[in-house]
Amino acid sequence: MVKNSFISVRVQEKNEENSGSVEFQVFCFTNKIRRLTSHLELHRKDYLSQRGLRKILEKRQRLLAYLSKKNRVRYKELISKLNIRESKNR
């Protein structure tokens, strides 16, 4: 497992007030997604982890959709900081 691919914990973790913000939640989900992805590269038949990964991806997608509707500027900044693709519009 390569630890360099994970996002370093920013100043937000020190401020526990921000733990409920959409950006912090997406940040935590992105860390979990990257950790599970590296786990699944080693353990391809771990179907429970695959299911958990899909659930976390859906949660993150819903949060990103909410953020893009409420504040497009914050959404764009978050997407660029976390190096994730912009979602397709339905």
N, C-alpha and C. Protein backbone atom coordinates (compact mmCIF):
# COMPACT_ATOMS: atom_id res chain seq x y z
N MET A 1 0.84 -1.17 0.00
CA MET A 1 0.00 0.00 0.00
C MET A 1 0.89 1.24 0.00
N VAL A 2 0.60 2.17 -0.88
CA VAL A 2 1.39 3.37 -0.99
C VAL A 2 0.70 4.49 -0.23
N LYS A 3 1.39 5.04 0.77
CA LYS A 3 0.78 6.08 1.60
C LYS A 3 0.88 7.45 0.96
N ASN A 4 1.72 7.61 -0.06
CA ASN A 4 1.89 8.91 -0.69
C ASN A 4 0.66 9.32 -1.49
N SER A 5 -0.17 8.37 -1.88
CA SER A 5 -1.34 8.70 -2.69
C SER A 5 -2.46 9.31 -1.86
N PHE A 6 -2.39 9.23 -0.54
CA PHE A 6 -3.42 9.79 0.31
C PHE A 6 -3.21 11.29 0.46
N ILE A 7 -4.27 11.97 0.69
CA ILE A 7 -4.21 13.42 0.86
C ILE A 7 -3.73 13.71 2.27
N SER A 8 -2.80 14.60 2.39
CA SER A 8 -2.31 14.95 3.72
C SER A 8 -3.40 15.70 4.47
N VAL A 9 -3.43 15.50 5.76
CA VAL A 9 -4.46 16.12 6.58
C VAL A 9 -4.14 17.60 6.70
N ARG A 10 -5.11 18.40 6.36
CA ARG A 10 -4.90 19.84 6.35
C ARG A 10 -5.25 20.45 7.70
N VAL A 11 -5.23 21.74 7.73
CA VAL A 11 -5.51 22.48 8.96
C VAL A 11 -6.95 22.23 9.42
N GLN A 12 -7.81 21.83 8.49
CA GLN A 12 -9.22 21.65 8.85
C GLN A 12 -9.40 20.60 9.93
N GLU A 13 -8.53 19.60 9.99
CA GLU A 13 -8.71 18.56 10.99
C GLU A 13 -8.50 19.12 12.40
N LYS A 14 -7.65 20.11 12.53
CA LYS A 14 -7.41 20.70 13.84
C LYS A 14 -8.64 21.45 14.33
N ASN A 15 -9.35 22.08 13.41
CA ASN A 15 -10.57 22.78 13.78
C ASN A 15 -11.73 21.80 13.72
N GLU A 16 -12.16 21.33 14.86
CA GLU A 16 -13.24 20.37 14.88
C GLU A 16 -14.57 21.02 14.55
N GLU A 17 -14.62 22.32 14.49
CA GLU A 17 -15.84 23.02 14.11
C GLU A 17 -16.18 22.75 12.66
N ASN A 18 -15.17 22.52 11.83
CA ASN A 18 -15.38 22.32 10.40
C ASN A 18 -15.69 20.88 10.03
N SER A 19 -15.78 19.98 10.99
CA SER A 19 -15.96 18.57 10.67
C SER A 19 -17.31 18.29 10.01
N GLY A 20 -18.26 19.19 10.12
CA GLY A 20 -19.56 18.99 9.49
C GLY A 20 -19.69 19.64 8.14
N SER A 21 -18.69 20.40 7.73
CA SER A 21 -18.79 21.10 6.45
C SER A 21 -18.74 20.11 5.30
N VAL A 22 -19.33 20.49 4.20
CA VAL A 22 -19.39 19.62 3.03
C VAL A 22 -17.98 19.33 2.52
N GLU A 23 -17.12 20.35 2.52
CA GLU A 23 -15.76 20.15 2.03
C GLU A 23 -15.01 19.12 2.86
N PHE A 24 -15.15 19.20 4.18
CA PHE A 24 -14.45 18.26 5.05
C PHE A 24 -14.97 16.84 4.86
N GLN A 25 -16.28 16.70 4.70
CA GLN A 25 -16.86 15.38 4.48
C GLN A 25 -16.38 14.78 3.17
N VAL A 26 -16.34 15.59 2.11
CA VAL A 26 -15.85 15.10 0.82
C VAL A 26 -14.38 14.73 0.93
N PHE A 27 -13.62 15.53 1.67
CA PHE A 27 -12.21 15.25 1.90
C PHE A 27 -12.03 13.90 2.58
N CYS A 28 -12.82 13.62 3.62
CA CYS A 28 -12.72 12.34 4.34
C CYS A 28 -13.14 11.18 3.44
N PHE A 29 -14.22 11.36 2.68
CA PHE A 29 -14.66 10.30 1.77
C PHE A 29 -13.61 10.02 0.70
N THR A 30 -12.93 11.05 0.23
CA THR A 30 -11.89 10.86 -0.79
C THR A 30 -10.74 10.06 -0.22
N ASN A 31 -10.36 10.33 1.03
CA ASN A 31 -9.31 9.53 1.68
C ASN A 31 -9.72 8.07 1.79
N LYS A 32 -10.97 7.83 2.21
CA LYS A 32 -11.46 6.46 2.33
C LYS A 32 -11.49 5.76 0.97
N ILE A 33 -11.90 6.48 -0.06
CA ILE A 33 -11.97 5.91 -1.40
C ILE A 33 -10.59 5.51 -1.88
N ARG A 34 -9.63 6.37 -1.68
CA ARG A 34 -8.26 6.04 -2.12
C ARG A 34 -7.68 4.87 -1.33
N ARG A 35 -7.99 4.81 -0.04
CA ARG A 35 -7.50 3.71 0.78
C ARG A 35 -8.14 2.39 0.34
N LEU A 36 -9.45 2.40 0.09
CA LEU A 36 -10.13 1.19 -0.35
C LEU A 36 -9.69 0.76 -1.74
N THR A 37 -9.41 1.72 -2.61
CA THR A 37 -8.96 1.40 -3.96
C THR A 37 -7.62 0.68 -3.92
N SER A 38 -6.72 1.17 -3.08
CA SER A 38 -5.42 0.50 -2.99
C SER A 38 -5.57 -0.88 -2.34
N HIS A 39 -6.52 -1.04 -1.42
CA HIS A 39 -6.78 -2.34 -0.82
C HIS A 39 -7.33 -3.31 -1.87
N LEU A 40 -8.22 -2.82 -2.72
CA LEU A 40 -8.83 -3.70 -3.72
C LEU A 40 -7.87 -4.08 -4.84
N GLU A 41 -6.81 -3.31 -5.03
CA GLU A 41 -5.80 -3.72 -6.00
C GLU A 41 -5.09 -4.98 -5.54
N LEU A 42 -4.94 -5.15 -4.24
CA LEU A 42 -4.31 -6.35 -3.69
C LEU A 42 -5.31 -7.50 -3.52
N HIS A 43 -6.54 -7.16 -3.12
CA HIS A 43 -7.55 -8.17 -2.81
C HIS A 43 -8.73 -7.99 -3.77
N ARG A 44 -8.61 -8.51 -4.95
CA ARG A 44 -9.60 -8.28 -6.00
C ARG A 44 -10.97 -8.89 -5.69
N LYS A 45 -11.02 -9.96 -4.93
CA LYS A 45 -12.28 -10.64 -4.68
C LYS A 45 -12.92 -10.28 -3.34
N ASP A 46 -12.52 -9.18 -2.77
CA ASP A 46 -13.11 -8.71 -1.52
C ASP A 46 -14.39 -7.94 -1.85
N TYR A 47 -15.48 -8.68 -1.97
CA TYR A 47 -16.72 -8.09 -2.46
C TYR A 47 -17.37 -7.16 -1.45
N LEU A 48 -17.18 -7.40 -0.17
CA LEU A 48 -17.74 -6.50 0.82
C LEU A 48 -17.07 -5.13 0.77
N SER A 49 -15.77 -5.12 0.54
CA SER A 49 -15.07 -3.84 0.39
C SER A 49 -15.50 -3.13 -0.88
N GLN A 50 -15.78 -3.90 -1.94
CA GLN A 50 -16.27 -3.29 -3.18
C GLN A 50 -17.61 -2.62 -2.95
N ARG A 51 -18.46 -3.29 -2.19
CA ARG A 51 -19.78 -2.72 -1.88
C ARG A 51 -19.62 -1.44 -1.04
N GLY A 52 -18.73 -1.49 -0.05
CA GLY A 52 -18.48 -0.30 0.76
C GLY A 52 -17.94 0.85 -0.06
N LEU A 53 -17.07 0.54 -1.01
CA LEU A 53 -16.51 1.56 -1.89
C LEU A 53 -17.61 2.21 -2.72
N ARG A 54 -18.51 1.40 -3.26
CA ARG A 54 -19.61 1.96 -4.05
C ARG A 54 -20.51 2.86 -3.21
N LYS A 55 -20.76 2.47 -1.95
CA LYS A 55 -21.60 3.29 -1.08
C LYS A 55 -20.94 4.62 -0.77
N ILE A 56 -19.63 4.59 -0.51
CA ILE A 56 -18.91 5.83 -0.22
C ILE A 56 -18.86 6.73 -1.45
N LEU A 57 -18.68 6.13 -2.63
CA LEU A 57 -18.68 6.91 -3.86
C LEU A 57 -20.02 7.60 -4.08
N GLU A 58 -21.11 6.89 -3.79
CA GLU A 58 -22.44 7.49 -3.94
C GLU A 58 -22.64 8.64 -2.96
N LYS A 59 -22.20 8.47 -1.73
CA LYS A 59 -22.33 9.54 -0.73
C LYS A 59 -21.55 10.77 -1.17
N ARG A 60 -20.31 10.54 -1.63
CA ARG A 60 -19.49 11.68 -2.06
C ARG A 60 -20.12 12.37 -3.27
N GLN A 61 -20.69 11.58 -4.17
CA GLN A 61 -21.32 12.15 -5.35
C GLN A 61 -22.52 13.02 -4.97
N ARG A 62 -23.30 12.56 -3.99
CA ARG A 62 -24.45 13.35 -3.55
C ARG A 62 -24.00 14.65 -2.89
N LEU A 63 -22.94 14.58 -2.08
CA LEU A 63 -22.43 15.80 -1.44
C LEU A 63 -21.89 16.78 -2.47
N LEU A 64 -21.19 16.26 -3.49
CA LEU A 64 -20.67 17.14 -4.53
C LEU A 64 -21.79 17.77 -5.35
N ALA A 65 -22.85 17.02 -5.60
CA ALA A 65 -23.99 17.58 -6.32
C ALA A 65 -24.65 18.69 -5.51
N TYR A 66 -24.77 18.48 -4.21
CA TYR A 66 -25.33 19.50 -3.34
C TYR A 66 -24.47 20.76 -3.36
N LEU A 67 -23.16 20.57 -3.24
CA LEU A 67 -22.26 21.72 -3.21
C LEU A 67 -22.26 22.47 -4.54
N SER A 68 -22.35 21.74 -5.65
CA SER A 68 -22.35 22.41 -6.95
C SER A 68 -23.62 23.24 -7.15
N LYS A 69 -24.73 22.80 -6.54
CA LYS A 69 -25.97 23.58 -6.65
C LYS A 69 -25.93 24.81 -5.75
N LYS A 70 -25.34 24.66 -4.56
CA LYS A 70 -25.35 25.76 -3.59
C LYS A 70 -24.27 26.81 -3.86
N ASN A 71 -23.06 26.36 -4.17
CA ASN A 71 -21.95 27.30 -4.34
C ASN A 71 -20.97 26.72 -5.36
N ARG A 72 -21.09 27.18 -6.59
CA ARG A 72 -20.29 26.63 -7.69
C ARG A 72 -18.80 26.94 -7.53
N VAL A 73 -18.46 28.07 -6.94
CA VAL A 73 -17.05 28.46 -6.77
C VAL A 73 -16.35 27.52 -5.79
N ARG A 74 -16.99 27.27 -4.64
CA ARG A 74 -16.42 26.35 -3.66
C ARG A 74 -16.29 24.94 -4.24
N TYR A 75 -17.27 24.55 -5.06
CA TYR A 75 -17.24 23.24 -5.70
C TYR A 75 -16.03 23.11 -6.62
N LYS A 76 -15.80 24.12 -7.46
CA LYS A 76 -14.67 24.09 -8.38
C LYS A 76 -13.34 24.05 -7.63
N GLU A 77 -13.22 24.83 -6.55
CA GLU A 77 -11.99 24.83 -5.75
C GLU A 77 -11.74 23.46 -5.13
N LEU A 78 -12.79 22.84 -4.61
CA LEU A 78 -12.65 21.53 -3.98
C LEU A 78 -12.25 20.46 -5.00
N ILE A 79 -12.86 20.50 -6.16
CA ILE A 79 -12.54 19.54 -7.22
C ILE A 79 -11.07 19.66 -7.61
N SER A 80 -10.59 20.88 -7.75
CA SER A 80 -9.19 21.06 -8.15
C SER A 80 -8.22 20.67 -7.03
N LYS A 81 -8.57 20.94 -5.76
CA LYS A 81 -7.69 20.58 -4.65
C LYS A 81 -7.55 19.07 -4.48
N LEU A 82 -8.67 18.36 -4.65
CA LEU A 82 -8.68 16.92 -4.40
C LEU A 82 -8.30 16.10 -5.64
N ASN A 83 -8.14 16.76 -6.77
CA ASN A 83 -7.78 16.06 -8.01
C ASN A 83 -8.81 15.01 -8.39
N ILE A 84 -10.08 15.37 -8.36
CA ILE A 84 -11.11 14.45 -8.80
C ILE A 84 -11.85 15.07 -9.97
N ARG A 85 -12.45 14.21 -10.78
CA ARG A 85 -13.13 14.69 -11.97
C ARG A 85 -14.45 15.32 -11.63
N GLU A 86 -14.86 16.25 -12.49
CA GLU A 86 -16.16 16.88 -12.31
C GLU A 86 -17.23 15.90 -12.76
N SER A 87 -18.32 15.85 -12.03
CA SER A 87 -19.38 14.90 -12.37
C SER A 87 -20.15 15.38 -13.59
N LYS A 88 -20.72 14.41 -14.29
CA LYS A 88 -21.53 14.72 -15.45
C LYS A 88 -22.90 15.17 -14.98
N ASN A 89 -23.47 16.13 -15.68
CA ASN A 89 -24.81 16.58 -15.35
C ASN A 89 -25.82 15.59 -15.88
N ARG A 90 -26.84 15.31 -15.10
CA ARG A 90 -27.87 14.36 -15.53
C ARG A 90 -28.90 15.02 -16.39
